[in-house]
Amino acid sequence: MSGIDKMKNKAEELAGQGKEAAGKATDNRDLEAEGKGDQASGNVKQAGEKVKDIFK
């Protein structure tokens, strides 16, 4: 895929890290869990992009 997709996936991962940190700082477990979910989603998408790049 394109570099734009890769950047979006990385941005999603970084946003998740920010949410997780904010959740920890405010003792908000829902926000922390949402951040972890966003990170996982970004990581899975990045892995998919890497697999696609292998088969190019």
N, C-alpha and C. Protein backbone atom coordinates (compact mmCIF):
# COMPACT_ATOMS: atom_id res chain seq x y z
N MET A 1 0.82 -1.18 0.00
CA MET A 1 0.00 0.00 0.00
C MET A 1 0.87 1.24 0.00
N SER A 2 0.22 2.33 0.11
CA SER A 2 0.94 3.59 0.02
C SER A 2 1.55 4.01 1.35
N GLY A 3 2.46 4.92 1.25
CA GLY A 3 3.09 5.47 2.45
C GLY A 3 2.09 6.22 3.32
N ILE A 4 1.05 6.76 2.70
CA ILE A 4 0.03 7.48 3.46
C ILE A 4 -0.69 6.53 4.41
N ASP A 5 -1.01 5.32 3.93
CA ASP A 5 -1.66 4.33 4.79
C ASP A 5 -0.76 3.97 5.97
N LYS A 6 0.52 3.82 5.70
CA LYS A 6 1.47 3.48 6.75
C LYS A 6 1.54 4.60 7.80
N MET A 7 1.51 5.84 7.34
CA MET A 7 1.55 6.97 8.27
C MET A 7 0.27 7.03 9.11
N LYS A 8 -0.87 6.76 8.49
CA LYS A 8 -2.14 6.75 9.22
C LYS A 8 -2.12 5.68 10.31
N ASN A 9 -1.60 4.51 9.97
CA ASN A 9 -1.54 3.42 10.94
C ASN A 9 -0.62 3.78 12.10
N LYS A 10 0.50 4.40 11.80
CA LYS A 10 1.43 4.80 12.86
C LYS A 10 0.81 5.90 13.71
N ALA A 11 0.08 6.81 13.08
CA ALA A 11 -0.59 7.88 13.83
C ALA A 11 -1.64 7.29 14.77
N GLU A 12 -2.35 6.26 14.31
CA GLU A 12 -3.35 5.60 15.16
C GLU A 12 -2.67 4.96 16.37
N GLU A 13 -1.53 4.33 16.13
CA GLU A 13 -0.78 3.72 17.23
C GLU A 13 -0.32 4.77 18.23
N LEU A 14 0.21 5.88 17.74
CA LEU A 14 0.69 6.94 18.62
C LEU A 14 -0.46 7.60 19.39
N ALA A 15 -1.59 7.76 18.74
CA ALA A 15 -2.76 8.32 19.42
C ALA A 15 -3.20 7.38 20.54
N GLY A 16 -3.11 6.09 20.28
CA GLY A 16 -3.45 5.10 21.30
C GLY A 16 -2.52 5.19 22.49
N GLN A 17 -1.25 5.42 22.23
CA GLN A 17 -0.29 5.58 23.33
C GLN A 17 -0.64 6.80 24.17
N GLY A 18 -1.04 7.87 23.50
CA GLY A 18 -1.44 9.08 24.21
C GLY A 18 -2.68 8.85 25.07
N LYS A 19 -3.67 8.15 24.51
CA LYS A 19 -4.89 7.85 25.27
C LYS A 19 -4.57 6.97 26.47
N GLU A 20 -3.72 5.98 26.24
CA GLU A 20 -3.36 5.09 27.35
C GLU A 20 -2.67 5.87 28.47
N ALA A 21 -1.74 6.74 28.10
CA ALA A 21 -1.04 7.54 29.10
C ALA A 21 -2.00 8.47 29.84
N ALA A 22 -2.91 9.08 29.11
CA ALA A 22 -3.89 9.97 29.74
C ALA A 22 -4.80 9.18 30.68
N GLY A 23 -5.17 7.98 30.26
CA GLY A 23 -6.01 7.14 31.10
C GLY A 23 -5.31 6.74 32.39
N LYS A 24 -4.02 6.43 32.28
CA LYS A 24 -3.25 6.08 33.48
C LYS A 24 -3.12 7.29 34.40
N ALA A 25 -2.87 8.45 33.81
CA ALA A 25 -2.66 9.66 34.60
C ALA A 25 -3.93 10.08 35.35
N THR A 26 -5.07 9.85 34.73
CA THR A 26 -6.34 10.27 35.34
C THR A 26 -7.07 9.12 36.01
N ASP A 27 -6.45 7.96 36.03
CA ASP A 27 -7.04 6.74 36.60
C ASP A 27 -8.37 6.42 35.92
N ASN A 28 -8.41 6.60 34.60
CA ASN A 28 -9.59 6.33 33.79
C ASN A 28 -9.33 5.03 33.02
N ARG A 29 -9.86 3.94 33.53
CA ARG A 29 -9.58 2.63 32.93
C ARG A 29 -10.18 2.49 31.53
N ASP A 30 -11.32 3.13 31.29
CA ASP A 30 -11.94 3.05 29.96
C ASP A 30 -11.06 3.71 28.91
N LEU A 31 -10.53 4.88 29.22
CA LEU A 31 -9.66 5.58 28.29
C LEU A 31 -8.37 4.81 28.07
N GLU A 32 -7.84 4.25 29.14
CA GLU A 32 -6.62 3.45 29.05
C GLU A 32 -6.84 2.23 28.15
N ALA A 33 -7.97 1.55 28.32
CA ALA A 33 -8.29 0.38 27.50
C ALA A 33 -8.50 0.78 26.04
N GLU A 34 -9.15 1.92 25.83
CA GLU A 34 -9.36 2.40 24.46
C GLU A 34 -8.02 2.67 23.78
N GLY A 35 -7.09 3.26 24.53
CA GLY A 35 -5.76 3.53 23.99
C GLY A 35 -5.03 2.25 23.63
N LYS A 36 -5.13 1.24 24.48
CA LYS A 36 -4.49 -0.04 24.18
C LYS A 36 -5.12 -0.67 22.94
N GLY A 37 -6.42 -0.54 22.80
CA GLY A 37 -7.11 -1.06 21.61
C GLY A 37 -6.67 -0.35 20.35
N ASP A 38 -6.52 0.96 20.42
CA ASP A 38 -6.06 1.73 19.26
C ASP A 38 -4.65 1.32 18.87
N GLN A 39 -3.80 1.10 19.87
CA GLN A 39 -2.43 0.67 19.59
C GLN A 39 -2.43 -0.69 18.91
N ALA A 40 -3.23 -1.60 19.42
CA ALA A 40 -3.29 -2.94 18.84
C ALA A 40 -3.79 -2.88 17.40
N SER A 41 -4.80 -2.07 17.16
CA SER A 41 -5.34 -1.92 15.82
C SER A 41 -4.29 -1.37 14.86
N GLY A 42 -3.57 -0.35 15.30
CA GLY A 42 -2.52 0.23 14.47
C GLY A 42 -1.42 -0.77 14.19
N ASN A 43 -1.06 -1.56 15.18
CA ASN A 43 -0.01 -2.56 15.00
C ASN A 43 -0.43 -3.64 14.01
N VAL A 44 -1.68 -4.08 14.10
CA VAL A 44 -2.17 -5.10 13.18
C VAL A 44 -2.19 -4.57 11.75
N LYS A 45 -2.63 -3.35 11.60
CA LYS A 45 -2.66 -2.75 10.26
C LYS A 45 -1.25 -2.60 9.70
N GLN A 46 -0.29 -2.23 10.54
CA GLN A 46 1.09 -2.10 10.09
C GLN A 46 1.64 -3.45 9.67
N ALA A 47 1.33 -4.48 10.42
CA ALA A 47 1.78 -5.83 10.06
C ALA A 47 1.20 -6.25 8.72
N GLY A 48 -0.07 -5.93 8.50
CA GLY A 48 -0.69 -6.23 7.21
C GLY A 48 0.00 -5.51 6.06
N GLU A 49 0.38 -4.27 6.28
CA GLU A 49 1.09 -3.51 5.25
C GLU A 49 2.44 -4.16 4.94
N LYS A 50 3.12 -4.63 5.96
CA LYS A 50 4.42 -5.28 5.76
C LYS A 50 4.27 -6.55 4.94
N VAL A 51 3.21 -7.32 5.21
CA VAL A 51 2.97 -8.55 4.45
C VAL A 51 2.69 -8.20 2.99
N LYS A 52 1.89 -7.17 2.78
CA LYS A 52 1.59 -6.74 1.41
C LYS A 52 2.87 -6.32 0.68
N ASP A 53 3.76 -5.63 1.40
CA ASP A 53 5.01 -5.19 0.78
C ASP A 53 5.89 -6.36 0.37
N ILE A 54 5.84 -7.45 1.12
CA ILE A 54 6.64 -8.62 0.80
C ILE A 54 6.22 -9.22 -0.52
N PHE A 55 4.92 -9.21 -0.80
CA PHE A 55 4.40 -9.83 -2.00
C PHE A 55 4.31 -8.89 -3.19
N LYS A 56 4.91 -7.74 -3.10
CA LYS A 56 4.92 -6.81 -4.23
C LYS A 56 5.91 -7.25 -5.27
